Protein backbone atom coordinates (compact mmCIF):
# COMPACT_ATOMS: atom_id res chain seq x y z
CA UNK A 1 78.01 87.67 118.64
CA UNK A 2 80.94 85.46 119.56
CA UNK A 3 81.74 87.39 122.72
CA UNK A 4 78.21 87.14 124.00
CA UNK A 5 78.13 83.48 123.10
CA UNK A 6 81.29 82.65 125.07
CA UNK A 7 80.18 84.45 128.20
CA UNK A 8 76.74 82.87 127.90
CA UNK A 9 78.10 79.38 127.70
CA UNK A 10 80.32 80.16 130.67
CA UNK A 11 77.25 80.80 132.80
CA UNK A 12 76.39 77.10 132.74
CA UNK A 13 79.26 75.48 134.65
CA UNK A 14 78.88 71.88 135.67
CA UNK A 15 79.14 71.27 139.41
CA UNK A 16 82.53 69.96 140.46
CA UNK A 17 83.13 66.72 142.36
CA UNK A 18 81.37 66.69 145.67
CA UNK A 19 79.42 69.85 144.93
CA UNK A 20 75.65 69.87 144.95
CA UNK A 21 73.54 71.70 142.45
CA UNK A 22 71.73 74.57 144.06
CA UNK A 23 67.99 74.15 144.22
CA UNK A 24 66.35 76.32 141.60
CA UNK A 25 63.61 78.61 142.82
CA UNK A 26 60.49 78.47 140.62
CA UNK A 27 60.42 81.35 138.18
CA UNK A 28 57.69 83.90 138.76
CA UNK A 29 55.39 85.01 135.99
CA UNK A 30 56.98 88.47 136.00
CA UNK A 31 60.50 87.01 135.76
CA UNK A 32 59.46 84.77 132.87
CA UNK A 33 57.94 87.69 130.96
CA UNK A 34 61.09 89.74 131.46
CA UNK A 35 63.27 86.84 130.32
CA UNK A 36 61.04 86.20 127.30
CA UNK A 37 61.19 89.83 126.22
CA UNK A 38 64.95 89.85 126.65
CA UNK A 39 65.21 86.75 124.45
CA UNK A 40 63.19 88.56 121.81
CA UNK A 41 65.45 91.62 122.01
CA UNK A 42 68.61 89.54 121.76
CA UNK A 43 67.24 87.49 118.85
CA UNK A 44 66.53 90.80 117.12
CA UNK A 45 70.25 91.54 117.35
CA UNK A 46 71.23 88.07 116.11
CA UNK A 47 68.69 88.00 113.28
CA UNK A 48 68.01 91.63 112.27
CA UNK A 49 67.21 90.27 108.81
CA UNK A 50 64.58 87.74 109.96
CA UNK A 51 61.82 87.46 107.36
CA UNK A 52 59.26 85.04 105.91
CA UNK A 53 61.21 82.37 104.05
CA UNK A 54 58.72 81.98 101.23
CA UNK A 55 59.26 83.89 98.00
CA UNK A 56 56.25 86.06 97.09
CA UNK A 57 55.36 89.29 95.35
CA UNK A 58 51.76 89.77 96.44
CA UNK A 59 49.16 88.39 98.93
CA UNK A 60 47.92 85.76 96.45
CA UNK A 61 51.40 84.31 95.97
CA UNK A 62 52.10 84.27 99.71
CA UNK A 63 48.79 82.56 100.43
CA UNK A 64 49.38 79.83 97.84
CA UNK A 65 52.99 79.33 98.93
CA UNK A 66 52.00 79.03 102.58
CA UNK A 67 49.39 76.38 101.82
CA UNK A 68 51.94 74.46 99.76
CA UNK A 69 54.51 74.64 102.58
CA UNK A 70 52.63 72.13 104.75
CA UNK A 71 54.72 68.98 105.34
CA UNK A 72 57.62 70.22 103.22
CA UNK A 73 60.40 72.80 103.31
CA UNK A 74 60.12 76.42 102.26
CA UNK A 75 63.02 75.74 99.90
CA UNK A 76 61.03 73.09 98.04
CA UNK A 77 58.07 75.46 97.78
CA UNK A 78 60.28 78.29 96.52
CA UNK A 79 61.71 76.01 93.86
CA UNK A 80 58.19 75.00 92.80
CA UNK A 81 56.16 78.22 92.77
CA UNK A 82 57.93 80.09 89.92
CA UNK A 83 56.49 77.69 87.35
CA UNK A 84 53.12 77.63 89.11
CA UNK A 85 52.75 81.41 89.18
CA UNK A 86 54.02 81.73 85.61
CA UNK A 87 51.20 79.41 84.51
CA UNK A 88 48.55 80.84 86.85
CA UNK A 89 49.43 84.45 87.78
CA UNK A 90 46.03 85.28 89.33
CA UNK A 91 43.39 83.54 91.46
CA UNK A 92 41.07 83.56 88.45
CA UNK A 93 43.66 81.68 86.38
CA UNK A 94 44.23 79.04 89.05
CA UNK A 95 40.51 78.64 89.69
CA UNK A 96 39.98 77.76 86.02
CA UNK A 97 42.97 75.41 85.77
CA UNK A 98 42.93 71.73 84.87
CA UNK A 99 43.55 69.93 88.20
CA UNK A 100 45.88 67.33 86.72
CA UNK A 101 48.12 70.05 85.29
CA UNK A 102 48.32 71.82 88.65
CA UNK A 103 49.12 68.50 90.35
CA UNK A 104 52.12 67.98 88.09
CA UNK A 105 53.46 71.45 88.81
CA UNK A 106 53.23 71.14 92.60
CA UNK A 107 54.09 67.42 92.84
CA UNK A 108 57.52 68.15 94.42
CA UNK A 109 55.84 69.66 97.50
CA UNK A 110 54.14 66.39 98.42
CA UNK A 111 50.45 65.67 99.08
CA UNK A 112 49.94 67.30 95.69
CA UNK A 113 46.37 66.11 95.12
CA UNK A 114 45.08 67.47 98.42
CA UNK A 115 47.06 70.67 97.96
CA UNK A 116 45.68 71.08 94.44
CA UNK A 117 42.15 70.85 95.82
CA UNK A 118 43.00 73.45 98.45
CA UNK A 119 44.71 76.03 96.25
CA UNK A 120 42.14 75.68 93.48
CA UNK A 121 39.31 75.80 96.01
CA UNK A 122 40.61 78.92 97.73
CA UNK A 123 41.25 80.54 94.35
CA UNK A 124 37.61 79.92 93.35
CA UNK A 125 36.45 81.38 96.68
CA UNK A 126 38.64 84.47 96.17
CA UNK A 127 37.24 84.86 92.66
CA UNK A 128 33.60 84.28 93.59
CA UNK A 129 33.35 85.74 97.09
CA UNK A 130 36.04 88.41 97.29
CA UNK A 131 36.18 89.95 93.84
CA UNK A 132 39.47 88.31 92.94
CA UNK A 133 41.36 89.92 95.85
CA UNK A 134 42.80 88.04 98.81
CA UNK A 135 40.83 89.17 101.88
CA UNK A 136 42.76 91.02 104.57
CA UNK A 137 41.04 89.87 107.76
CA UNK A 138 41.43 86.75 109.87
CA UNK A 139 37.68 86.11 109.84
CA UNK A 140 37.57 86.09 106.04
CA UNK A 141 40.84 84.24 105.41
CA UNK A 142 39.92 81.22 107.53
CA UNK A 143 36.80 80.69 105.41
CA UNK A 144 39.03 79.76 102.47
CA UNK A 145 39.70 76.04 101.80
CA UNK A 146 42.95 74.87 103.38
CA UNK A 147 43.49 78.07 105.35
CA UNK A 148 43.76 77.91 109.14
CA UNK A 149 44.90 80.46 111.68
CA UNK A 150 48.61 79.79 111.12
CA UNK A 151 48.37 80.36 107.37
CA UNK A 152 46.11 83.37 107.89
CA UNK A 153 48.57 85.03 110.28
CA UNK A 154 51.46 84.48 107.86
CA UNK A 155 49.49 86.28 105.16
CA UNK A 156 48.16 89.01 107.44
CA UNK A 157 51.51 89.77 109.02
CA UNK A 158 53.61 89.76 105.88
CA UNK A 159 51.26 90.88 103.11
CA UNK A 160 48.94 93.23 105.00
CA UNK A 161 50.99 94.42 107.97
CA UNK A 162 48.47 93.05 110.48
CA UNK A 163 50.27 91.66 113.58
CA UNK A 164 49.93 87.95 114.21
CA UNK A 165 51.69 85.04 115.91
CA UNK A 166 52.64 82.15 113.64
CA UNK A 167 52.63 78.95 115.67
CA UNK A 168 54.46 76.44 113.50
CA UNK A 169 56.45 73.41 114.69
CA UNK A 170 59.58 75.47 115.34
CA UNK A 171 57.70 78.12 117.30
CA UNK A 172 55.92 75.47 119.38
CA UNK A 173 59.17 73.67 120.19
CA UNK A 174 61.11 76.75 121.23
CA UNK A 175 58.49 78.47 123.37
CA UNK A 176 58.13 75.24 125.33
CA UNK A 177 61.92 74.84 125.67
CA UNK A 178 62.10 78.39 126.94
CA UNK A 179 59.25 77.71 129.42
CA UNK A 180 57.07 80.47 128.07
CA UNK A 181 54.20 78.01 128.04
CA UNK A 182 53.43 74.39 128.86
CA UNK A 183 50.62 74.18 126.31
CA UNK A 184 50.86 71.88 123.30
CA UNK A 185 47.78 73.10 121.43
CA UNK A 186 48.62 75.78 118.80
CA UNK A 187 45.60 77.90 119.66
CA UNK A 188 46.37 77.90 123.37
CA UNK A 189 50.06 78.60 122.70
CA UNK A 190 49.10 81.55 120.53
CA UNK A 191 46.82 82.92 123.24
CA UNK A 192 49.45 82.59 125.99
CA UNK A 193 52.30 84.11 123.98
CA UNK A 194 50.04 87.01 123.02
CA UNK A 195 49.85 87.96 126.70
CA UNK A 196 53.66 88.16 127.00
CA UNK A 197 54.47 90.49 124.11
CA UNK A 198 52.91 93.69 122.80
CA UNK A 199 50.89 93.20 119.63
CA UNK A 200 53.33 95.28 117.61
CA UNK A 201 55.99 92.59 118.18
CA UNK A 202 53.96 89.53 117.20
CA UNK A 203 54.96 89.21 113.54
CA UNK A 204 58.68 89.84 114.00
CA UNK A 205 58.76 87.70 117.14
CA UNK A 206 57.43 84.83 115.04
CA UNK A 207 60.14 85.32 112.40
CA UNK A 208 62.93 85.51 114.98
CA UNK A 209 61.84 82.42 116.87
CA UNK A 210 61.38 80.41 113.67
CA UNK A 211 64.77 81.57 112.35
CA UNK A 212 66.42 80.48 115.58
CA UNK A 213 64.66 77.12 115.49
CA UNK A 214 65.67 76.44 111.90
CA UNK A 215 69.28 77.50 112.30
CA UNK A 216 70.35 76.75 115.86
CA UNK A 217 67.74 75.26 118.19
CA UNK A 218 66.96 72.11 116.19
CA UNK A 219 64.43 69.49 117.22
CA UNK A 220 66.84 66.58 117.61
CA UNK A 221 70.26 68.14 118.15
CA UNK A 222 70.09 71.75 119.32
CA UNK A 223 73.39 73.55 118.83
CA UNK A 224 73.58 74.71 122.45
CA UNK A 225 77.31 75.38 122.29
CA UNK A 226 76.84 77.85 119.43
CA UNK A 227 73.70 79.51 120.78
CA UNK A 228 73.84 83.24 121.61
CA UNK A 229 71.06 83.09 124.24
CA UNK A 230 72.13 80.17 126.43
CA UNK A 231 72.26 82.50 129.44
CA UNK A 232 68.49 82.92 129.08
CA UNK A 233 67.56 79.32 128.24
CA UNK A 234 66.31 76.95 130.95
CA UNK A 235 66.82 74.01 128.59
CA UNK A 236 70.51 74.60 127.94
CA UNK A 237 72.32 71.28 127.67
CA UNK A 238 69.62 69.35 125.82
CA UNK A 239 71.83 69.54 122.74
CA UNK A 240 75.50 69.65 121.85
CA UNK A 241 77.35 71.96 124.25
CA UNK A 242 80.84 71.68 122.77
CA UNK A 243 81.28 74.93 120.76
CA UNK A 244 83.19 73.35 117.88
CA UNK A 245 80.80 70.42 117.51
CA UNK A 246 77.80 72.71 117.89
CA UNK A 247 79.09 75.04 115.19
CA UNK A 248 78.90 72.18 112.70
CA UNK A 249 75.17 71.84 113.41
CA UNK A 250 74.31 75.39 112.33
CA UNK A 251 72.21 75.71 109.19
CA UNK A 252 71.68 78.15 106.33
CA UNK A 253 73.62 81.43 106.56
CA UNK A 254 74.69 80.62 110.13
CA UNK A 255 76.45 77.55 108.80
CA UNK A 256 77.81 79.17 105.65
CA UNK A 257 75.25 77.55 103.37
CA UNK A 258 72.53 78.91 101.05
CA UNK A 259 69.23 80.05 102.52
CA UNK A 260 65.73 78.94 101.54
CA UNK A 261 64.64 81.85 99.36
CA UNK A 262 65.62 82.16 95.72
CA UNK A 263 64.94 85.90 96.05
CA UNK A 264 65.83 86.86 99.64
CA UNK A 265 65.48 90.42 100.96
CA UNK A 266 68.40 92.79 100.24
CA UNK A 267 69.62 92.69 103.86
CA UNK A 268 69.89 88.90 103.97
CA UNK A 269 73.58 88.12 104.68
CA UNK A 270 73.60 84.64 103.16
CA UNK A 271 73.47 83.38 99.60
CA UNK A 272 70.18 82.72 97.76
CA UNK A 273 68.86 79.21 97.41
CA UNK A 274 69.48 77.40 94.11
CA UNK A 275 66.65 77.18 91.59
CA UNK A 276 65.04 73.82 90.96
CA UNK A 277 67.27 71.50 88.98
CA UNK A 278 70.50 73.38 89.69
CA UNK A 279 73.33 72.41 91.97
CA UNK A 280 74.13 74.43 95.07
C-alpha cells in the first residue's frame, strides 16, 4: 500500500512560484462513474476485511445493536450488548422485560430511555406480528419502532444477504468529498449512489466507505498524506498532507490500535476491542 500511497501523493504537486494552476475541466458523468468504481476497487484492496463493526450472532442481535448504535460508537455498543443479550436472548424475552432494568443495561449507549422504548417496542412487534422472527424485507423492517432505512439495510445486507446501501454520517461525508453526489438528504444520496454501482456491490461498498471514513478520511482532520486513494480524490488537501503527521491521525488497525469489535471476523488484521471495564 505504501508504494501506491507515495505515487498518489506525488500526483498533487503544488504550483511553483509564478506558475498558474491549470483550469480544471468539469468532470463528465461517465468519468465520475469510472472514478467512483475505481475508488471502490482500490478500497477493496486496502480493506479486504471490511465488515459491519457491530458484534452479532443472529438478525435479532444485529437489529438491536444497530438501533443502540445511534449517537454513540460501535465500540460502546459492543461493550454493552453482551450483558443485554445474556439477560434477554430472544425478542420474546426483551418484549417482556422490565423497562427500568433494560435502561440500566443500555445506559452507556446514551439516550437509554428512548432506546429502551424502541428495542422493547420492536421486540413486541417481532413477537406479535412476525412470529418471533426478525422480518427479512425492507417493507416489513421499517414498520418496526426505531427502524429506518439505514438500520434496515444494515440488517438486510449483513444478516440476510440482501444488498443495500448504508448511508451513515461517514458514508454521507465521503461520497460528497469524492463528488459522487451533491445531495445532503440520506434518501437522495442512497438513490444517486445506487445508480453508480451494481446492486451486488452495495453492501460491501458501504463497509469499505465507512471503514475509510472511520480510519483515514475523518470529518475534521482527514489524513490526506496517508490516504491510498489521493490520486482519485478531488478533495485532496482538505486535511493533513504531510505523510508523517497524517500517519498519526490513522485510527484502529491502521493506526496500530484495537478495533471496535470484541469478536472481529477471523480475517481482521487488528486486535479485538477490550471488553467493558477492562483496559486496552
